[in-house]
């Protein structure tokens, strides 16, 4: 496992990170014991960065993760969770007010059984009033940082231009980390266009969803995937091509996202299955087939970089 500096935070994180969204049963029913074992498998395999959110499974992911974390030494992992996006009884909700995000941090700490959060992230700012994020959400989190409740502050979004806008309109050094997803993977390189901007400001970069939410997987895209059909079809052809060569596209995808650019500190994947976790760690520890990468991207062709809106 390779470890990288996360911007100027002083945090050193594994180039493969564990995303705990699956622990909330976001994608399918989970076995809780297996989910907890998946966390242990991640850390035993060299992963030291874990990311979660109260939104995942509407608090379930944090609750299940907390059961695992209470059995682990605190110095074994770097932990991030989020504020702003929630839900209850199957209904998604958003609240980026100072009072709610402050309360949310303490609620997350209770569910996670920790007394501090290494990194707190404003979740999916495209659903927020960006000016409110600048004027209210981030200052509230910065106060918690000053009080040593959280160590570092960041923002997440599918749309990197929103990340740039908030950083440009916030006080210097308020935003220390950005998390962007589906824009540094086999079918999309958009995040690369923003790395100079982030690096010049000392901001650490986290990439998520190397499988592009299922586009780059043998299983294929779920029904809810927001990508256009043309992109889904192109990725399905690429997956079939990899299958013919007995090199799963899942393997190629996660290798690609973790090996191609050291300026991206870590890439998050998620699984509640310990065997899947071990398999992905093994993939990342092997060199990527560069020729196959080129062939797959040729198959995806003019669908490279095609965008969609988050949901």
C-alpha atoms as a PDB file:
ATOM      1  CA  UNK A   1       0.000   0.000   0.000  1.00  0.00           C
ATOM      2  CA  UNK A   2       1.221   3.495  -0.891  1.00  0.00           C
ATOM      3  CA  UNK A   3       0.666   6.408   1.519  1.00  0.00           C
ATOM      4  CA  UNK A   4       0.351  10.053   0.487  1.00  0.00           C
ATOM      5  CA  UNK A   5       0.164  13.439   2.180  1.00  0.00           C
ATOM      6  CA  UNK A   6      -3.341  14.894   2.162  1.00  0.00           C
ATOM      7  CA  UNK A   7      -2.644  18.485   1.170  1.00  0.00           C
ATOM      8  CA  UNK A   8      -1.246  20.494   4.090  1.00  0.00           C
ATOM      9  CA  UNK A   9      -3.296  18.702   6.752  1.00  0.00           C
ATOM     10  CA  UNK A  10      -0.381  16.626   8.006  1.00  0.00           C
ATOM     11  CA  UNK A  11      -2.507  13.525   7.480  1.00  0.00           C
ATOM     12  CA  UNK A  12      -0.868  10.658   5.621  1.00  0.00           C
ATOM     13  CA  UNK A  13      -3.441   8.412   3.971  1.00  0.00           C
ATOM     14  CA  UNK A  14      -3.399   5.153   2.022  1.00  0.00           C
ATOM     15  CA  UNK A  15      -3.834   5.588  -1.712  1.00  0.00           C
ATOM     16  CA  UNK A  16      -6.841   3.270  -1.424  1.00  0.00           C
ATOM     17  CA  UNK A  17      -9.439   4.412   1.096  1.00  0.00           C
ATOM     18  CA  UNK A  18     -12.445   2.630   2.571  1.00  0.00           C
ATOM     19  CA  UNK A  19     -15.788   4.279   1.837  1.00  0.00           C
ATOM     20  CA  UNK A  20     -18.385   3.106   4.345  1.00  0.00           C
ATOM     21  CA  UNK A  21     -21.518   3.889   2.316  1.00  0.00           C
ATOM     22  CA  UNK A  22     -22.107   0.168   1.728  1.00  0.00           C
ATOM     23  CA  UNK A  23     -22.349  -0.359   5.488  1.00  0.00           C
ATOM     24  CA  UNK A  24     -25.610   1.553   5.339  1.00  0.00           C
ATOM     25  CA  UNK A  25     -27.165  -0.939   2.926  1.00  0.00           C
ATOM     26  CA  UNK A  26     -27.216   1.800   0.299  1.00  0.00           C
ATOM     27  CA  UNK A  27     -26.861  -0.597  -2.625  1.00  0.00           C
ATOM     28  CA  UNK A  28     -28.228  -3.893  -1.237  1.00  0.00           C
ATOM     29  CA  UNK A  29     -29.039  -5.703   2.002  1.00  0.00           C
ATOM     30  CA  UNK A  30     -25.982  -6.301   4.171  1.00  0.00           C
ATOM     31  CA  UNK A  31     -24.992  -8.742   6.864  1.00  0.00           C
ATOM     32  CA  UNK A  32     -23.856  -6.572   9.770  1.00  0.00           C
ATOM     33  CA  UNK A  33     -21.213  -9.013  10.988  1.00  0.00           C
ATOM     34  CA  UNK A  34     -19.737  -9.178   7.487  1.00  0.00           C
ATOM     35  CA  UNK A  35     -19.819  -5.389   7.241  1.00  0.00           C
ATOM     36  CA  UNK A  36     -17.850  -5.037  10.469  1.00  0.00           C
ATOM     37  CA  UNK A  37     -15.391  -7.672   9.256  1.00  0.00           C
ATOM     38  CA  UNK A  38     -15.009  -5.661   6.028  1.00  0.00           C
ATOM     39  CA  UNK A  39     -13.750  -2.712   8.096  1.00  0.00           C
ATOM     40  CA  UNK A  40     -11.238  -4.969   9.850  1.00  0.00           C
ATOM     41  CA  UNK A  41     -10.145  -6.426   6.504  1.00  0.00           C
ATOM     42  CA  UNK A  42      -9.534  -2.934   5.129  1.00  0.00           C
ATOM     43  CA  UNK A  43      -7.273  -1.933   8.005  1.00  0.00           C
ATOM     44  CA  UNK A  44      -5.497  -5.281   8.091  1.00  0.00           C
ATOM     45  CA  UNK A  45      -4.772  -4.839   4.374  1.00  0.00           C
ATOM     46  CA  UNK A  46      -3.055  -1.497   4.888  1.00  0.00           C
ATOM     47  CA  UNK A  47      -5.928   0.955   4.383  1.00  0.00           C
ATOM     48  CA  UNK A  48      -5.873   3.676   7.024  1.00  0.00           C
ATOM     49  CA  UNK A  49      -8.499   6.121   5.733  1.00  0.00           C
ATOM     50  CA  UNK A  50     -12.221   5.576   6.351  1.00  0.00           C
ATOM     51  CA  UNK A  51     -14.968   7.877   5.068  1.00  0.00           C
ATOM     52  CA  UNK A  52     -18.640   7.837   6.033  1.00  0.00           C
ATOM     53  CA  UNK A  53     -21.690  10.120   6.252  1.00  0.00           C
ATOM     54  CA  UNK A  54     -24.922  10.319   8.240  1.00  0.00           C
ATOM     55  CA  UNK A  55     -26.675  10.263   4.857  1.00  0.00           C
ATOM     56  CA  UNK A  56     -25.508   6.729   4.009  1.00  0.00           C
ATOM     57  CA  UNK A  57     -28.338   4.425   4.951  1.00  0.00           C
ATOM     58  CA  UNK A  58     -29.861   7.377   6.819  1.00  0.00           C
ATOM     59  CA  UNK A  59     -27.511   7.023   9.825  1.00  0.00           C
ATOM     60  CA  UNK A  60     -27.097   3.247   9.523  1.00  0.00           C
ATOM     61  CA  UNK A  61     -23.592   3.352   8.007  1.00  0.00           C
ATOM     62  CA  UNK A  62     -22.250   5.459  10.868  1.00  0.00           C
ATOM     63  CA  UNK A  63     -23.936   3.171  13.389  1.00  0.00           C
ATOM     64  CA  UNK A  64     -22.481  -0.013  11.901  1.00  0.00           C
ATOM     65  CA  UNK A  65     -19.069   1.574  11.410  1.00  0.00           C
ATOM     66  CA  UNK A  66     -19.140   2.732  15.025  1.00  0.00           C
ATOM     67  CA  UNK A  67     -19.539  -0.874  16.168  1.00  0.00           C
ATOM     68  CA  UNK A  68     -16.340  -1.710  14.323  1.00  0.00           C
ATOM     69  CA  UNK A  69     -14.409   1.374  15.430  1.00  0.00           C
ATOM     70  CA  UNK A  70     -15.077   0.810  19.117  1.00  0.00           C
ATOM     71  CA  UNK A  71     -13.037  -2.405  18.743  1.00  0.00           C
ATOM     72  CA  UNK A  72     -10.060  -0.644  17.119  1.00  0.00           C
ATOM     73  CA  UNK A  73      -7.269   1.559  18.414  1.00  0.00           C
ATOM     74  CA  UNK A  74      -7.907   5.172  17.432  1.00  0.00           C
ATOM     75  CA  UNK A  75      -4.424   5.555  15.984  1.00  0.00           C
ATOM     76  CA  UNK A  76      -5.087   2.870  13.354  1.00  0.00           C
ATOM     77  CA  UNK A  77      -7.283   5.024  11.145  1.00  0.00           C
ATOM     78  CA  UNK A  78      -7.987   8.488   9.783  1.00  0.00           C
ATOM     79  CA  UNK A  79     -11.721   9.168   9.921  1.00  0.00           C
ATOM     80  CA  UNK A  80     -13.920  11.530   7.938  1.00  0.00           C
ATOM     81  CA  UNK A  81     -17.648  12.054   8.059  1.00  0.00           C
ATOM     82  CA  UNK A  82     -19.944  14.677   6.640  1.00  0.00           C
ATOM     83  CA  UNK A  83     -22.655  17.246   7.353  1.00  0.00           C
ATOM     84  CA  UNK A  84     -25.511  18.762   5.393  1.00  0.00           C
ATOM     85  CA  UNK A  85     -27.155  15.729   3.824  1.00  0.00           C
ATOM     86  CA  UNK A  86     -29.393  13.436   5.871  1.00  0.00           C
ATOM     87  CA  UNK A  87     -32.597  11.422   5.655  1.00  0.00           C
ATOM     88  CA  UNK A  88     -35.204   9.507   7.583  1.00  0.00           C
ATOM     89  CA  UNK A  89     -37.831   6.899   6.745  1.00  0.00           C
ATOM     90  CA  UNK A  90     -36.512   6.681   3.199  1.00  0.00           C
ATOM     91  CA  UNK A  91     -36.791  10.428   2.570  1.00  0.00           C
ATOM     92  CA  UNK A  92     -33.659  12.449   1.807  1.00  0.00           C
ATOM     93  CA  UNK A  93     -33.217  15.774   3.592  1.00  0.00           C
ATOM     94  CA  UNK A  94     -30.676  18.592   3.475  1.00  0.00           C
ATOM     95  CA  UNK A  95     -29.772  21.207   6.087  1.00  0.00           C
ATOM     96  CA  UNK A  96     -26.595  23.272   5.806  1.00  0.00           C
ATOM     97  CA  UNK A  97     -27.416  25.727   8.598  1.00  0.00           C
ATOM     98  CA  UNK A  98     -24.755  26.435  11.221  1.00  0.00           C
ATOM     99  CA  UNK A  99     -26.865  25.040  14.042  1.00  0.00           C
ATOM    100  CA  UNK A 100     -27.686  21.787  12.264  1.00  0.00           C
ATOM    101  CA  UNK A 101     -24.163  21.038  11.027  1.00  0.00           C
ATOM    102  CA  UNK A 102     -22.735  21.727  14.476  1.00  0.00           C
ATOM    103  CA  UNK A 103     -25.269  19.387  16.066  1.00  0.00           C
ATOM    104  CA  UNK A 104     -24.608  16.841  13.325  1.00  0.00           C
ATOM    105  CA  UNK A 105     -20.916  16.591  14.175  1.00  0.00           C
ATOM    106  CA  UNK A 106     -21.645  15.694  17.778  1.00  0.00           C
ATOM    107  CA  UNK A 107     -24.325  13.197  16.729  1.00  0.00           C
ATOM    108  CA  UNK A 108     -21.871  11.521  14.350  1.00  0.00           C
ATOM    109  CA  UNK A 109     -19.217  11.292  17.048  1.00  0.00           C
ATOM    110  CA  UNK A 110     -21.715   9.522  19.299  1.00  0.00           C
ATOM    111  CA  UNK A 111     -22.714   7.018  16.602  1.00  0.00           C
ATOM    112  CA  UNK A 112     -19.072   6.420  15.677  1.00  0.00           C
ATOM    113  CA  UNK A 113     -17.865   6.104  19.298  1.00  0.00           C
ATOM    114  CA  UNK A 114     -15.048   8.622  18.826  1.00  0.00           C
ATOM    115  CA  UNK A 115     -14.141  11.809  20.659  1.00  0.00           C
ATOM    116  CA  UNK A 116     -12.875  13.676  17.613  1.00  0.00           C
ATOM    117  CA  UNK A 117     -13.217  13.698  13.827  1.00  0.00           C
ATOM    118  CA  UNK A 118     -10.046  13.933  11.740  1.00  0.00           C
ATOM    119  CA  UNK A 119     -11.829  15.473   8.745  1.00  0.00           C
ATOM    120  CA  UNK A 120     -15.339  16.909   8.521  1.00  0.00           C
ATOM    121  CA  UNK A 121     -16.741  17.438   5.026  1.00  0.00           C
ATOM    122  CA  UNK A 122     -19.716  19.450   3.797  1.00  0.00           C
ATOM    123  CA  UNK A 123     -21.627  16.830   1.828  1.00  0.00           C
ATOM    124  CA  UNK A 124     -22.661  17.361  -1.817  1.00  0.00           C
ATOM    125  CA  UNK A 125     -22.659  21.134  -1.887  1.00  0.00           C
ATOM    126  CA  UNK A 126     -24.491  21.210  -5.226  1.00  0.00           C
ATOM    127  CA  UNK A 127     -27.670  20.647  -3.190  1.00  0.00           C
ATOM    128  CA  UNK A 128     -26.925  23.683  -1.029  1.00  0.00           C
ATOM    129  CA  UNK A 129     -27.024  27.416  -1.520  1.00  0.00           C
ATOM    130  CA  UNK A 130     -23.303  27.847  -2.156  1.00  0.00           C
ATOM    131  CA  UNK A 131     -23.341  31.274  -0.542  1.00  0.00           C
ATOM    132  CA  UNK A 132     -24.777  29.718   2.624  1.00  0.00           C
ATOM    133  CA  UNK A 133     -21.950  27.177   2.585  1.00  0.00           C
ATOM    134  CA  UNK A 134     -19.457  30.062   2.455  1.00  0.00           C
ATOM    135  CA  UNK A 135     -21.188  32.337   4.965  1.00  0.00           C
ATOM    136  CA  UNK A 136     -22.627  29.858   7.461  1.00  0.00           C
ATOM    137  CA  UNK A 137     -21.707  26.187   7.036  1.00  0.00           C
ATOM    138  CA  UNK A 138     -17.938  26.466   6.736  1.00  0.00           C
ATOM    139  CA  UNK A 139     -17.527  29.094   9.494  1.00  0.00           C
ATOM    140  CA  UNK A 140     -19.467  26.807  11.859  1.00  0.00           C
ATOM    141  CA  UNK A 141     -17.126  23.929  11.073  1.00  0.00           C
ATOM    142  CA  UNK A 142     -14.082  26.198  11.365  1.00  0.00           C
ATOM    143  CA  UNK A 143     -15.221  27.071  14.893  1.00  0.00           C
ATOM    144  CA  UNK A 144     -15.348  23.360  15.722  1.00  0.00           C
ATOM    145  CA  UNK A 145     -11.833  23.098  14.319  1.00  0.00           C
ATOM    146  CA  UNK A 146     -10.690  25.942  16.573  1.00  0.00           C
ATOM    147  CA  UNK A 147     -12.263  24.092  19.500  1.00  0.00           C
ATOM    148  CA  UNK A 148     -10.422  20.863  18.509  1.00  0.00           C
ATOM    149  CA  UNK A 149     -13.656  18.942  18.017  1.00  0.00           C
ATOM    150  CA  UNK A 150     -12.607  18.314  14.407  1.00  0.00           C
ATOM    151  CA  UNK A 151      -9.088  18.531  13.056  1.00  0.00           C
ATOM    152  CA  UNK A 152      -9.673  19.522   9.429  1.00  0.00           C
ATOM    153  CA  UNK A 153     -12.463  20.873   7.201  1.00  0.00           C
ATOM    154  CA  UNK A 154     -13.389  20.122   3.600  1.00  0.00           C
ATOM    155  CA  UNK A 155     -16.163  19.998   1.001  1.00  0.00           C
ATOM    156  CA  UNK A 156     -17.519  17.363  -1.392  1.00  0.00           C
ATOM    157  CA  UNK A 157     -19.368  17.483  -4.696  1.00  0.00           C
ATOM    158  CA  UNK A 158     -19.814  15.683  -7.982  1.00  0.00           C
ATOM    159  CA  UNK A 159     -19.323  19.018  -9.772  1.00  0.00           C
ATOM    160  CA  UNK A 160     -15.710  20.261  -9.335  1.00  0.00           C
ATOM    161  CA  UNK A 161     -16.628  23.763 -10.473  1.00  0.00           C
ATOM    162  CA  UNK A 162     -18.736  24.111  -7.323  1.00  0.00           C
ATOM    163  CA  UNK A 163     -15.750  23.144  -5.202  1.00  0.00           C
ATOM    164  CA  UNK A 164     -13.674  25.836  -6.909  1.00  0.00           C
ATOM    165  CA  UNK A 165     -16.369  28.478  -6.453  1.00  0.00           C
ATOM    166  CA  UNK A 166     -16.705  27.857  -2.719  1.00  0.00           C
ATOM    167  CA  UNK A 167     -12.932  27.900  -2.224  1.00  0.00           C
ATOM    168  CA  UNK A 168     -12.630  31.179  -4.151  1.00  0.00           C
ATOM    169  CA  UNK A 169     -15.322  32.783  -2.019  1.00  0.00           C
ATOM    170  CA  UNK A 170     -14.201  31.457   1.375  1.00  0.00           C
ATOM    171  CA  UNK A 171     -11.560  32.751   3.744  1.00  0.00           C
ATOM    172  CA  UNK A 172      -8.113  31.427   2.930  1.00  0.00           C
ATOM    173  CA  UNK A 173      -7.316  28.047   4.498  1.00  0.00           C
ATOM    174  CA  UNK A 174     -10.918  27.407   5.535  1.00  0.00           C
ATOM    175  CA  UNK A 175     -11.200  24.549   3.037  1.00  0.00           C
ATOM    176  CA  UNK A 176      -8.322  22.118   3.510  1.00  0.00           C
ATOM    177  CA  UNK A 177      -9.591  19.126   1.533  1.00  0.00           C
ATOM    178  CA  UNK A 178     -11.914  18.416  -1.388  1.00  0.00           C
ATOM    179  CA  UNK A 179     -13.630  15.149  -2.226  1.00  0.00           C
ATOM    180  CA  UNK A 180     -14.805  14.677  -5.798  1.00  0.00           C
ATOM    181  CA  UNK A 181     -16.263  11.523  -7.308  1.00  0.00           C
ATOM    182  CA  UNK A 182     -16.620   9.901 -10.737  1.00  0.00           C
ATOM    183  CA  UNK A 183     -14.226  12.388 -12.328  1.00  0.00           C
ATOM    184  CA  UNK A 184     -10.963  10.491 -12.082  1.00  0.00           C
ATOM    185  CA  UNK A 185     -11.653   7.054 -13.457  1.00  0.00           C
ATOM    186  CA  UNK A 186     -11.273   5.120 -16.702  1.00  0.00           C
ATOM    187  CA  UNK A 187     -14.047   7.050 -18.450  1.00  0.00           C
ATOM    188  CA  UNK A 188     -13.542  10.559 -17.052  1.00  0.00           C
ATOM    189  CA  UNK A 189     -10.494  12.765 -16.317  1.00  0.00           C
ATOM    190  CA  UNK A 190     -12.209  16.054 -15.424  1.00  0.00           C
ATOM    191  CA  UNK A 191     -10.614  16.233 -11.971  1.00  0.00           C
ATOM    192  CA  UNK A 192      -7.196  16.648 -13.593  1.00  0.00           C
ATOM    193  CA  UNK A 193      -8.243  20.080 -14.871  1.00  0.00           C
ATOM    194  CA  UNK A 194      -8.574  21.293 -11.268  1.00  0.00           C
ATOM    195  CA  UNK A 195      -5.468  19.814  -9.644  1.00  0.00           C
ATOM    196  CA  UNK A 196      -3.291  22.885 -10.209  1.00  0.00           C
ATOM    197  CA  UNK A 197      -5.928  25.076  -8.567  1.00  0.00           C
ATOM    198  CA  UNK A 198      -6.176  22.839  -5.508  1.00  0.00           C
ATOM    199  CA  UNK A 199      -2.438  22.290  -5.247  1.00  0.00           C
ATOM    200  CA  UNK A 200      -1.621  25.988  -5.409  1.00  0.00           C
ATOM    201  CA  UNK A 201      -3.827  26.480  -2.349  1.00  0.00           C
ATOM    202  CA  UNK A 202      -2.430  23.527  -0.458  1.00  0.00           C
ATOM    203  CA  UNK A 203      -5.740  21.676  -0.638  1.00  0.00           C
ATOM    204  CA  UNK A 204      -5.711  17.889  -0.427  1.00  0.00           C
ATOM    205  CA  UNK A 205      -7.630  15.918  -3.053  1.00  0.00           C
ATOM    206  CA  UNK A 206      -9.706  12.797  -2.442  1.00  0.00           C
ATOM    207  CA  UNK A 207     -11.099  10.862  -5.379  1.00  0.00           C
ATOM    208  CA  UNK A 208     -14.096   8.572  -4.968  1.00  0.00           C
ATOM    209  CA  UNK A 209     -15.976   5.962  -6.966  1.00  0.00           C
ATOM    210  CA  UNK A 210     -13.299   4.449  -9.228  1.00  0.00           C
ATOM    211  CA  UNK A 211     -16.059   2.245 -10.644  1.00  0.00           C
ATOM    212  CA  UNK A 212     -18.075   5.358 -11.569  1.00  0.00           C
ATOM    213  CA  UNK A 213     -21.023   4.162  -9.456  1.00  0.00           C
ATOM    214  CA  UNK A 214     -21.162   0.862 -11.310  1.00  0.00           C
ATOM    215  CA  UNK A 215     -20.450   1.954 -14.887  1.00  0.00           C
ATOM    216  CA  UNK A 216     -17.047   0.283 -14.693  1.00  0.00           C
ATOM    217  CA  UNK A 217     -18.072  -3.031 -13.183  1.00  0.00           C
ATOM    218  CA  UNK A 218     -18.885  -6.539 -14.312  1.00  0.00           C
ATOM    219  CA  UNK A 219     -22.238  -6.261 -12.545  1.00  0.00           C
ATOM    220  CA  UNK A 220     -23.142  -3.186 -14.611  1.00  0.00           C
ATOM    221  CA  UNK A 221     -25.086  -0.080 -13.732  1.00  0.00           C
ATOM    222  CA  UNK A 222     -27.991  -0.086 -11.305  1.00  0.00           C
ATOM    223  CA  UNK A 223     -31.363   1.145 -12.561  1.00  0.00           C
ATOM    224  CA  UNK A 224     -31.017   4.438 -10.692  1.00  0.00           C
ATOM    225  CA  UNK A 225     -27.689   5.391 -12.307  1.00  0.00           C
ATOM    226  CA  UNK A 226     -28.021   8.924 -13.745  1.00  0.00           C
ATOM    227  CA  UNK A 227     -25.614   8.469 -16.670  1.00  0.00           C
ATOM    228  CA  UNK A 228     -27.081   8.684 -20.189  1.00  0.00           C
ATOM    229  CA  UNK A 229     -27.741   5.411 -22.015  1.00  0.00           C
ATOM    230  CA  UNK A 230     -24.986   6.115 -24.553  1.00  0.00           C
ATOM    231  CA  UNK A 231     -22.367   6.174 -21.793  1.00  0.00           C
ATOM    232  CA  UNK A 232     -23.817   3.086 -20.098  1.00  0.00           C
ATOM    233  CA  UNK A 233     -23.636   1.205 -23.402  1.00  0.00           C
ATOM    234  CA  UNK A 234     -20.038   2.249 -24.049  1.00  0.00           C
ATOM    235  CA  UNK A 235     -18.946   1.128 -20.586  1.00  0.00           C
ATOM    236  CA  UNK A 236     -20.829  -2.164 -20.984  1.00  0.00           C
ATOM    237  CA  UNK A 237     -18.864  -2.807 -24.201  1.00  0.00           C
ATOM    238  CA  UNK A 238     -15.647  -2.026 -22.376  1.00  0.00           C
ATOM    239  CA  UNK A 239     -16.582  -4.415 -19.553  1.00  0.00           C
ATOM    240  CA  UNK A 240     -17.306  -7.194 -22.054  1.00  0.00           C
ATOM    241  CA  UNK A 241     -13.950  -6.576 -23.747  1.00  0.00           C
ATOM    242  CA  UNK A 242     -12.144  -6.924 -20.409  1.00  0.00           C
ATOM    243  CA  UNK A 243     -14.075 -10.090 -19.621  1.00  0.00           C
ATOM    244  CA  UNK A 244     -12.908 -11.635 -22.906  1.00  0.00           C
ATOM    245  CA  UNK A 245      -9.339 -10.970 -21.798  1.00  0.00           C
ATOM    246  CA  UNK A 246      -9.968 -12.427 -18.331  1.00  0.00           C
ATOM    247  CA  UNK A 247      -9.088  -9.093 -16.723  1.00  0.00           C
ATOM    248  CA  UNK A 248     -12.179  -7.815 -14.875  1.00  0.00           C
ATOM    249  CA  UNK A 249     -12.964  -4.186 -15.597  1.00  0.00           C
ATOM    250  CA  UNK A 250     -13.402  -3.708 -11.838  1.00  0.00           C
ATOM    251  CA  UNK A 251      -9.735  -4.603 -11.419  1.00  0.00           C
ATOM    252  CA  UNK A 252      -8.603  -2.294 -14.214  1.00  0.00           C
ATOM    253  CA  UNK A 253     -10.757   0.559 -12.910  1.00  0.00           C
ATOM    254  CA  UNK A 254      -9.510   0.524  -9.340  1.00  0.00           C
ATOM    255  CA  UNK A 255      -5.902   0.050 -10.438  1.00  0.00           C
ATOM    256  CA  UNK A 256      -6.193   2.975 -12.825  1.00  0.00           C
ATOM    257  CA  UNK A 257      -7.647   5.399 -10.272  1.00  0.00           C
ATOM    258  CA  UNK A 258      -5.063   4.572  -7.604  1.00  0.00           C
ATOM    259  CA  UNK A 259      -1.906   4.363  -9.701  1.00  0.00           C
ATOM    260  CA  UNK A 260      -1.937   7.105 -12.299  1.00  0.00           C
ATOM    261  CA  UNK A 261      -1.589  10.369 -10.394  1.00  0.00           C
ATOM    262  CA  UNK A 262       0.224  10.846  -7.044  1.00  0.00           C
ATOM    263  CA  UNK A 263      -1.295  14.337  -6.709  1.00  0.00           C
ATOM    264  CA  UNK A 264      -4.543  12.603  -5.732  1.00  0.00           C
ATOM    265  CA  UNK A 265      -3.966  11.462  -2.162  1.00  0.00           C
ATOM    266  CA  UNK A 266      -6.481   8.625  -1.997  1.00  0.00           C
ATOM    267  CA  UNK A 267      -9.294   6.959  -3.904  1.00  0.00           C
ATOM    268  CA  UNK A 268     -12.347   5.649  -2.051  1.00  0.00           C
ATOM    269  CA  UNK A 269     -14.200   2.442  -2.817  1.00  0.00           C
ATOM    270  CA  UNK A 270     -16.977   0.828  -0.810  1.00  0.00           C
ATOM    271  CA  UNK A 271     -17.930  -2.731   0.081  1.00  0.00           C
ATOM    272  CA  UNK A 272     -19.591  -4.452   3.015  1.00  0.00           C
ATOM    273  CA  UNK A 273     -18.112  -7.791   1.935  1.00  0.00           C
ATOM    274  CA  UNK A 274     -14.706  -8.596   3.490  1.00  0.00           C
ATOM    275  CA  UNK A 275     -13.687 -10.779   0.542  1.00  0.00           C
ATOM    276  CA  UNK A 276     -14.393  -7.933  -1.870  1.00  0.00           C
ATOM    277  CA  UNK A 277     -12.287  -5.653   0.293  1.00  0.00           C
ATOM    278  CA  UNK A 278      -9.361  -8.074   0.276  1.00  0.00           C
ATOM    279  CA  UNK A 279      -9.684  -8.588  -3.482  1.00  0.00           C
ATOM    280  CA  UNK A 280      -9.614  -4.852  -4.213  1.00  0.00           C
ATOM    281  CA  UNK A 281      -6.585  -4.351  -1.979  1.00  0.00           C
ATOM    282  CA  UNK A 282      -4.823  -7.136  -3.889  1.00  0.00           C
ATOM    283  CA  UNK A 283      -5.754  -5.472  -7.198  1.00  0.00           C
ATOM    284  CA  UNK A 284      -4.288  -2.153  -6.096  1.00  0.00           C
ATOM    285  CA  UNK A 285      -1.042  -3.806  -5.038  1.00  0.00           C
ATOM    286  CA  UNK A 286      -0.540  -5.151  -8.598  1.00  0.00           C
ATOM    287  CA  UNK A 287       0.628  -3.024 -11.569  1.00  0.00           C
ATOM    288  CA  UNK A 288      -2.042  -1.885 -13.991  1.00  0.00           C
ATOM    289  CA  UNK A 289      -2.121  -3.158 -17.586  1.00  0.00           C
ATOM    290  CA  UNK A 290      -1.409   0.119 -19.409  1.00  0.00           C
ATOM    291  CA  UNK A 291      -2.154  -1.331 -22.844  1.00  0.00           C
ATOM    292  CA  UNK A 292      -5.567  -2.529 -21.713  1.00  0.00           C
ATOM    293  CA  UNK A 293      -6.279   0.916 -20.280  1.00  0.00           C
ATOM    294  CA  UNK A 294      -5.682   2.443 -23.716  1.00  0.00           C
ATOM    295  CA  UNK A 295      -7.838  -0.157 -25.437  1.00  0.00           C
ATOM    296  CA  UNK A 296     -10.717   0.309 -22.991  1.00  0.00           C
ATOM    297  CA  UNK A 297     -10.633   4.075 -23.363  1.00  0.00           C
ATOM    298  CA  UNK A 298     -10.712   3.677 -27.137  1.00  0.00           C
ATOM    299  CA  UNK A 299     -13.848   1.543 -26.763  1.00  0.00           C
ATOM    300  CA  UNK A 300     -15.490   4.170 -24.578  1.00  0.00           C
ATOM    301  CA  UNK A 301     -14.505   6.622 -27.296  1.00  0.00           C
ATOM    302  CA  UNK A 302     -16.581   9.788 -27.601  1.00  0.00           C
ATOM    303  CA  UNK A 303     -18.372   8.974 -24.357  1.00  0.00           C
ATOM    304  CA  UNK A 304     -15.191   9.778 -22.411  1.00  0.00           C
ATOM    305  CA  UNK A 305     -15.958  12.627 -20.040  1.00  0.00           C
ATOM    306  CA  UNK A 306     -19.723  12.647 -20.620  1.00  0.00           C
ATOM    307  CA  UNK A 307     -21.308  14.173 -17.534  1.00  0.00           C
ATOM    308  CA  UNK A 308     -24.533  13.756 -15.591  1.00  0.00           C
ATOM    309  CA  UNK A 309     -26.244  15.457 -12.680  1.00  0.00           C
ATOM    310  CA  UNK A 310     -26.122  14.051  -9.168  1.00  0.00           C
ATOM    311  CA  UNK A 311     -29.329  12.809  -7.549  1.00  0.00           C
END
